[in-house]
Amino acid sequence: GRFTISRGNVENTVYLQMNNLKPEDAAVYYCT
């Protein structure tokens, strides 16, 4: 309900839209 993952028009690209961020979301984020 807060984050949305999506792929770009170029299929080797991925996005993570993060809304309503909370302190517990703090971290190192890794793409895989």
All heavy atoms as atom14 arrays in JSON, in Angstrom:
{
  "sequence": "GRFTISRGNVENTVYLQMNNLKPEDAAVYYCT",
  "atom14_mask": [
    [1, 1, 1, 1, 0, 0, 0, 0, 0, 0, 0, 0, 0, 0],
    [1, 1, 1, 1, 1, 1, 1, 1, 1, 1, 1, 0, 0, 0],
    [1, 1, 1, 1, 1, 1, 1, 1, 1, 1, 1, 0, 0, 0],
    [1, 1, 1, 1, 1, 1, 1, 0, 0, 0, 0, 0, 0, 0],
    [1, 1, 1, 1, 1, 1, 1, 1, 0, 0, 0, 0, 0, 0],
    [1, 1, 1, 1, 1, 1, 0, 0, 0, 0, 0, 0, 0, 0],
    [1, 1, 1, 1, 1, 1, 1, 1, 1, 1, 1, 0, 0, 0],
    [1, 1, 1, 1, 0, 0, 0, 0, 0, 0, 0, 0, 0, 0],
    [1, 1, 1, 1, 1, 1, 1, 1, 0, 0, 0, 0, 0, 0],
    [1, 1, 1, 1, 1, 1, 1, 0, 0, 0, 0, 0, 0, 0],
    [1, 1, 1, 1, 1, 1, 1, 1, 1, 0, 0, 0, 0, 0],
    [1, 1, 1, 1, 1, 1, 1, 1, 0, 0, 0, 0, 0, 0],
    [1, 1, 1, 1, 1, 1, 1, 0, 0, 0, 0, 0, 0, 0],
    [1, 1, 1, 1, 1, 1, 1, 0, 0, 0, 0, 0, 0, 0],
    [1, 1, 1, 1, 1, 1, 1, 1, 1, 1, 1, 1, 0, 0],
    [1, 1, 1, 1, 1, 1, 1, 1, 0, 0, 0, 0, 0, 0],
    [1, 1, 1, 1, 1, 1, 1, 1, 1, 0, 0, 0, 0, 0],
    [1, 1, 1, 1, 1, 1, 1, 1, 0, 0, 0, 0, 0, 0],
    [1, 1, 1, 1, 1, 1, 1, 1, 0, 0, 0, 0, 0, 0],
    [1, 1, 1, 1, 1, 1, 1, 1, 0, 0, 0, 0, 0, 0],
    [1, 1, 1, 1, 1, 1, 1, 1, 0, 0, 0, 0, 0, 0],
    [1, 1, 1, 1, 1, 1, 1, 1, 1, 0, 0, 0, 0, 0],
    [1, 1, 1, 1, 1, 1, 1, 0, 0, 0, 0, 0, 0, 0],
    [1, 1, 1, 1, 1, 1, 1, 1, 1, 0, 0, 0, 0, 0],
    [1, 1, 1, 1, 1, 1, 1, 1, 0, 0, 0, 0, 0, 0],
    [1, 1, 1, 1, 1, 0, 0, 0, 0, 0, 0, 0, 0, 0],
    [1, 1, 1, 1, 1, 0, 0, 0, 0, 0, 0, 0, 0, 0],
    [1, 1, 1, 1, 1, 1, 1, 0, 0, 0, 0, 0, 0, 0],
    [1, 1, 1, 1, 1, 1, 1, 1, 1, 1, 1, 1, 0, 0],
    [1, 1, 1, 1, 1, 1, 1, 1, 1, 1, 1, 1, 0, 0],
    [1, 1, 1, 1, 1, 1, 0, 0, 0, 0, 0, 0, 0, 0],
    [1, 1, 1, 1, 1, 1, 1, 0, 0, 0, 0, 0, 0, 0]
  ],
  "atom14_positions": [
    [[0.79, -1.22, 0.0], [0.0, 0.0, 0.0], [0.82, 1.27, 0.0], [0.27, 2.35, -0.22], [0.0, 0.0, 0.0], [0.0, 0.0, 0.0], [0.0, 0.0, 0.0], [0.0, 0.0, 0.0], [0.0, 0.0, 0.0], [0.0, 0.0, 0.0], [0.0, 0.0, 0.0], [0.0, 0.0, 0.0], [0.0, 0.0, 0.0], [0.0, 0.0, 0.0]],
    [[2.12, 1.15, 0.25], [3.0, 2.32, 0.28], [4.05, 2.3, -0.82], [4.42, 3.35, -1.34], [3.7, 2.43, 1.63], [2.75, 2.59, 2.81], [3.5, 2.89, 4.11], [4.37, 1.78, 4.5], [5.69, 1.87, 4.61], [6.3, 3.02, 4.37], [6.4, 0.82, 4.98], [0.0, 0.0, 0.0], [0.0, 0.0, 0.0], [0.0, 0.0, 0.0]],
    [[4.54, 1.12, -1.17], [5.59, 0.98, -2.18], [5.01, 0.37, -3.44], [4.1, -0.46, -3.39], [6.71, 0.07, -1.68], [7.55, 0.63, -0.56], [7.18, 1.78, 0.13], [8.73, 0.0, -0.21], [7.96, 2.28, 1.16], [9.52, 0.49, 0.82], [9.13, 1.62, 1.51], [0.0, 0.0, 0.0], [0.0, 0.0, 0.0], [0.0, 0.0, 0.0]],
    [[5.57, 0.76, -4.58], [5.17, 0.21, -5.86], [6.4, -0.11, -6.69], [7.25, 0.76, -6.9], [4.27, 1.18, -6.64], [3.12, 1.51, -5.87], [3.82, 0.55, -7.96], [0.0, 0.0, 0.0], [0.0, 0.0, 0.0], [0.0, 0.0, 0.0], [0.0, 0.0, 0.0], [0.0, 0.0, 0.0], [0.0, 0.0, 0.0], [0.0, 0.0, 0.0]],
    [[6.49, -1.35, -7.14], [7.58, -1.74, -8.01], [7.08, -1.76, -9.44], [5.93, -2.14, -9.71], [8.16, -3.11, -7.61], [9.45, -3.41, -8.39], [7.14, -4.23, -7.8], [10.21, -4.62, -7.87], [0.0, 0.0, 0.0], [0.0, 0.0, 0.0], [0.0, 0.0, 0.0], [0.0, 0.0, 0.0], [0.0, 0.0, 0.0], [0.0, 0.0, 0.0]],
    [[7.91, -1.33, -10.36], [7.52, -1.3, -11.76], [8.74, -1.45, -12.64], [9.88, -1.23, -12.22], [6.78, 0.0, -12.09], [7.61, 1.13, -11.89], [0.0, 0.0, 0.0], [0.0, 0.0, 0.0], [0.0, 0.0, 0.0], [0.0, 0.0, 0.0], [0.0, 0.0, 0.0], [0.0, 0.0, 0.0], [0.0, 0.0, 0.0], [0.0, 0.0, 0.0]],
    [[8.49, -1.83, -13.86], [9.53, -1.92, -14.87], [9.37, -0.79, -15.87], [8.26, -0.38, -16.19], [9.48, -3.27, -15.57], [9.93, -4.43, -14.72], [9.54, -5.74, -15.33], [10.08, -5.92, -16.68], [9.85, -6.97, -17.45], [9.1, -7.97, -16.99], [10.36, -7.03, -18.67], [0.0, 0.0, 0.0], [0.0, 0.0, 0.0], [0.0, 0.0, 0.0]],
    [[10.49, -0.3, -16.35], [10.46, 0.76, -17.34], [10.21, 0.22, -18.73], [10.1, -0.99, -18.96], [0.0, 0.0, 0.0], [0.0, 0.0, 0.0], [0.0, 0.0, 0.0], [0.0, 0.0, 0.0], [0.0, 0.0, 0.0], [0.0, 0.0, 0.0], [0.0, 0.0, 0.0], [0.0, 0.0, 0.0], [0.0, 0.0, 0.0], [0.0, 0.0, 0.0]],
    [[10.09, 1.16, -19.67], [9.93, 0.75, -21.07], [11.12, -0.06, -21.55], [10.96, -0.97, -22.37], [9.73, 1.98, -21.95], [8.42, 2.69, -21.69], [7.44, 2.06, -21.3], [8.39, 3.99, -21.92], [0.0, 0.0, 0.0], [0.0, 0.0, 0.0], [0.0, 0.0, 0.0], [0.0, 0.0, 0.0], [0.0, 0.0, 0.0], [0.0, 0.0, 0.0]],
    [[12.29, 0.27, -21.02], [13.46, -0.56, -21.21], [13.4, -1.66, -20.15], [13.43, -1.38, -18.96], [14.76, 0.24, -21.08], [15.97, -0.67, -21.26], [14.79, 1.37, -22.1], [0.0, 0.0, 0.0], [0.0, 0.0, 0.0], [0.0, 0.0, 0.0], [0.0, 0.0, 0.0], [0.0, 0.0, 0.0], [0.0, 0.0, 0.0], [0.0, 0.0, 0.0]],
    [[13.3, -2.88, -20.57], [12.93, -3.97, -19.67], [14.02, -4.37, -18.69], [13.76, -5.16, -17.78], [12.46, -5.18, -20.47], [11.16, -4.92, -21.22], [10.62, -6.15, -21.91], [11.25, -7.23, -21.82], [9.55, -6.04, -22.54], [0.0, 0.0, 0.0], [0.0, 0.0, 0.0], [0.0, 0.0, 0.0], [0.0, 0.0, 0.0], [0.0, 0.0, 0.0]],
    [[15.21, -3.82, -18.84], [16.25, -4.09, -17.85], [16.34, -2.99, -16.8], [17.35, -2.87, -16.11], [17.6, -4.29, -18.53], [18.07, -3.05, -19.28], [17.32, -2.12, -19.51], [19.34, -3.04, -19.66], [0.0, 0.0, 0.0], [0.0, 0.0, 0.0], [0.0, 0.0, 0.0], [0.0, 0.0, 0.0], [0.0, 0.0, 0.0], [0.0, 0.0, 0.0]],
    [[15.29, -2.22, -16.66], [15.2, -1.16, -15.67], [14.04, -1.43, -14.73], [12.95, -1.82, -15.18], [15.02, 0.21, -16.33], [16.09, 0.46, -17.24], [15.0, 1.32, -15.28], [0.0, 0.0, 0.0], [0.0, 0.0, 0.0], [0.0, 0.0, 0.0], [0.0, 0.0, 0.0], [0.0, 0.0, 0.0], [0.0, 0.0, 0.0], [0.0, 0.0, 0.0]],
    [[14.26, -1.25, -13.45], [13.21, -1.44, -12.47], [13.21, -0.26, -11.51], [14.27, 0.31, -11.2], [13.38, -2.78, -11.72], [14.64, -2.78, -10.86], [12.15, -3.1, -10.88], [0.0, 0.0, 0.0], [0.0, 0.0, 0.0], [0.0, 0.0, 0.0], [0.0, 0.0, 0.0], [0.0, 0.0, 0.0], [0.0, 0.0, 0.0], [0.0, 0.0, 0.0]],
    [[12.02, 0.11, -11.03], [11.86, 1.22, -10.13], [11.15, 0.77, -8.86], [10.38, -0.19, -8.86], [11.03, 2.34, -10.78], [11.6, 2.85, -12.07], [11.18, 2.32, -13.29], [12.55, 3.85, -12.09], [11.7, 2.78, -14.48], [13.08, 4.32, -13.28], [12.64, 3.79, -14.47], [13.16, 4.25, -15.65], [0.0, 0.0, 0.0], [0.0, 0.0, 0.0]],
    [[11.4, 1.5, -7.81], [10.66, 1.3, -6.57], [10.22, 2.67, -6.07], [11.04, 3.46, -5.62], [11.52, 0.61, -5.5], [10.79, 0.29, -4.2], [9.72, -0.77, -4.42], [11.77, -0.16, -3.12], [0.0, 0.0, 0.0], [0.0, 0.0, 0.0], [0.0, 0.0, 0.0], [0.0, 0.0, 0.0], [0.0, 0.0, 0.0], [0.0, 0.0, 0.0]],
    [[8.93, 2.93, -6.2], [8.37, 4.17, -5.68], [7.95, 3.94, -4.24], [7.15, 3.05, -3.95], [7.17, 4.62, -6.51], [6.57, 5.94, -6.04], [5.43, 6.42, -6.9], [5.35, 6.08, -8.07], [4.55, 7.21, -6.32], [0.0, 0.0, 0.0], [0.0, 0.0, 0.0], [0.0, 0.0, 0.0], [0.0, 0.0, 0.0], [0.0, 0.0, 0.0]],
    [[8.49, 4.73, -3.35], [8.26, 4.58, -1.93], [7.55, 5.82, -1.41], [8.1, 6.92, -1.46], [9.58, 4.37, -1.18], [10.4, 3.2, -1.71], [11.91, 2.9, -0.74], [12.81, 4.41, -1.11], [0.0, 0.0, 0.0], [0.0, 0.0, 0.0], [0.0, 0.0, 0.0], [0.0, 0.0, 0.0], [0.0, 0.0, 0.0], [0.0, 0.0, 0.0]],
    [[6.33, 5.63, -0.92], [5.53, 6.71, -0.39], [5.3, 6.51, 1.1], [5.39, 5.4, 1.61], [4.18, 6.8, -1.1], [4.31, 7.11, -2.57], [5.18, 7.86, -2.99], [3.41, 6.54, -3.37], [0.0, 0.0, 0.0], [0.0, 0.0, 0.0], [0.0, 0.0, 0.0], [0.0, 0.0, 0.0], [0.0, 0.0, 0.0], [0.0, 0.0, 0.0]],
    [[4.97, 7.61, 1.77], [4.69, 7.57, 3.2], [5.78, 6.82, 3.95], [5.51, 5.9, 4.73], [3.32, 6.94, 3.45], [2.85, 7.12, 4.88], [3.27, 8.04, 5.58], [1.97, 6.23, 5.33], [0.0, 0.0, 0.0], [0.0, 0.0, 0.0], [0.0, 0.0, 0.0], [0.0, 0.0, 0.0], [0.0, 0.0, 0.0], [0.0, 0.0, 0.0]],
    [[7.0, 7.23, 3.73], [8.13, 6.54, 4.35], [8.11, 6.68, 5.86], [7.74, 7.72, 6.41], [9.43, 7.07, 3.78], [9.76, 6.54, 2.38], [10.76, 7.45, 1.68], [10.3, 5.12, 2.47], [0.0, 0.0, 0.0], [0.0, 0.0, 0.0], [0.0, 0.0, 0.0], [0.0, 0.0, 0.0], [0.0, 0.0, 0.0], [0.0, 0.0, 0.0]],
    [[8.52, 5.61, 6.5], [8.57, 5.54, 7.95], [10.0, 5.31, 8.41], [10.82, 4.78, 7.65], [7.67, 4.4, 8.45], [6.22, 4.52, 8.02], [5.4, 3.33, 8.48], [3.95, 3.47, 8.06], [3.13, 2.33, 8.53], [0.0, 0.0, 0.0], [0.0, 0.0, 0.0], [0.0, 0.0, 0.0], [0.0, 0.0, 0.0], [0.0, 0.0, 0.0]],
    [[10.31, 5.69, 9.64], [11.68, 5.46, 10.13], [12.13, 4.02, 9.99], [13.32, 3.77, 9.73], [11.6, 5.9, 11.59], [10.53, 6.94, 11.61], [9.51, 6.45, 10.61], [0.0, 0.0, 0.0], [0.0, 0.0, 0.0], [0.0, 0.0, 0.0], [0.0, 0.0, 0.0], [0.0, 0.0, 0.0], [0.0, 0.0, 0.0], [0.0, 0.0, 0.0]],
    [[11.23, 3.07, 10.15], [11.6, 1.67, 10.04], [11.92, 1.24, 8.61], [12.41, 0.12, 8.39], [10.5, 0.76, 10.62], [9.12, 1.04, 10.06], [8.28, 1.93, 10.95], [8.84, 2.92, 11.5], [7.08, 1.66, 11.12], [0.0, 0.0, 0.0], [0.0, 0.0, 0.0], [0.0, 0.0, 0.0], [0.0, 0.0, 0.0], [0.0, 0.0, 0.0]],
    [[11.67, 2.11, 7.64], [12.06, 1.84, 6.26], [13.52, 2.14, 6.0], [14.05, 1.79, 4.94], [11.21, 2.64, 5.28], [9.75, 2.26, 5.31], [9.45, 1.04, 5.38], [8.89, 3.16, 5.25], [0.0, 0.0, 0.0], [0.0, 0.0, 0.0], [0.0, 0.0, 0.0], [0.0, 0.0, 0.0], [0.0, 0.0, 0.0], [0.0, 0.0, 0.0]],
    [[14.17, 2.81, 6.92], [15.57, 3.18, 6.73], [16.43, 1.92, 6.62], [16.36, 1.02, 7.47], [16.05, 4.06, 7.88], [0.0, 0.0, 0.0], [0.0, 0.0, 0.0], [0.0, 0.0, 0.0], [0.0, 0.0, 0.0], [0.0, 0.0, 0.0], [0.0, 0.0, 0.0], [0.0, 0.0, 0.0], [0.0, 0.0, 0.0], [0.0, 0.0, 0.0]],
    [[17.22, 1.86, 5.58], [18.05, 0.69, 5.32], [18.88, 0.95, 4.07], [18.68, 1.95, 3.37], [17.19, -0.57, 5.12], [0.0, 0.0, 0.0], [0.0, 0.0, 0.0], [0.0, 0.0, 0.0], [0.0, 0.0, 0.0], [0.0, 0.0, 0.0], [0.0, 0.0, 0.0], [0.0, 0.0, 0.0], [0.0, 0.0, 0.0], [0.0, 0.0, 0.0]],
    [[19.78, 0.04, 3.8], [20.43, 0.0, 2.5], [19.56, -0.85, 1.59], [19.23, -1.99, 1.93], [21.85, -0.56, 2.57], [22.46, -0.64, 1.17], [22.72, 0.31, 3.48], [0.0, 0.0, 0.0], [0.0, 0.0, 0.0], [0.0, 0.0, 0.0], [0.0, 0.0, 0.0], [0.0, 0.0, 0.0], [0.0, 0.0, 0.0], [0.0, 0.0, 0.0]],
    [[19.18, -0.3, 0.47], [18.32, -0.99, -0.48], [19.16, -1.53, -1.62], [19.95, -0.8, -2.23], [17.24, -0.05, -1.01], [16.11, 0.18, -0.03], [16.33, 0.93, 1.13], [14.85, -0.36, -0.25], [15.31, 1.12, 2.05], [13.83, -0.16, 0.66], [14.06, 0.57, 1.81], [13.04, 0.77, 2.72], [0.0, 0.0, 0.0], [0.0, 0.0, 0.0]],
    [[18.98, -2.81, -1.91], [19.75, -3.49, -2.94], [18.85, -3.93, -4.08], [17.82, -4.56, -3.86], [20.44, -4.73, -2.37], [21.45, -4.45, -1.29], [21.07, -4.42, 0.04], [22.78, -4.22, -1.6], [21.99, -4.16, 1.05], [23.71, -3.97, -0.61], [23.31, -3.94, 0.71], [24.23, -3.69, 1.7], [0.0, 0.0, 0.0], [0.0, 0.0, 0.0]],
    [[19.26, -3.63, -5.27], [18.59, -4.14, -6.46], [19.14, -5.51, -6.78], [20.34, -5.78, -6.6], [18.81, -3.18, -7.63], [18.0, -3.68, -9.16], [0.0, 0.0, 0.0], [0.0, 0.0, 0.0], [0.0, 0.0, 0.0], [0.0, 0.0, 0.0], [0.0, 0.0, 0.0], [0.0, 0.0, 0.0], [0.0, 0.0, 0.0], [0.0, 0.0, 0.0]],
    [[18.29, -6.39, -7.26], [18.73, -7.72, -7.63], [18.04, -8.16, -8.9], [16.92, -7.74, -9.2], [18.45, -8.74, -6.5], [19.03, -10.0, -6.83], [16.95, -8.92, -6.28], [0.0, 0.0, 0.0], [0.0, 0.0, 0.0], [0.0, 0.0, 0.0], [0.0, 0.0, 0.0], [0.0, 0.0, 0.0], [0.0, 0.0, 0.0], [0.0, 0.0, 0.0]]
  ]
}
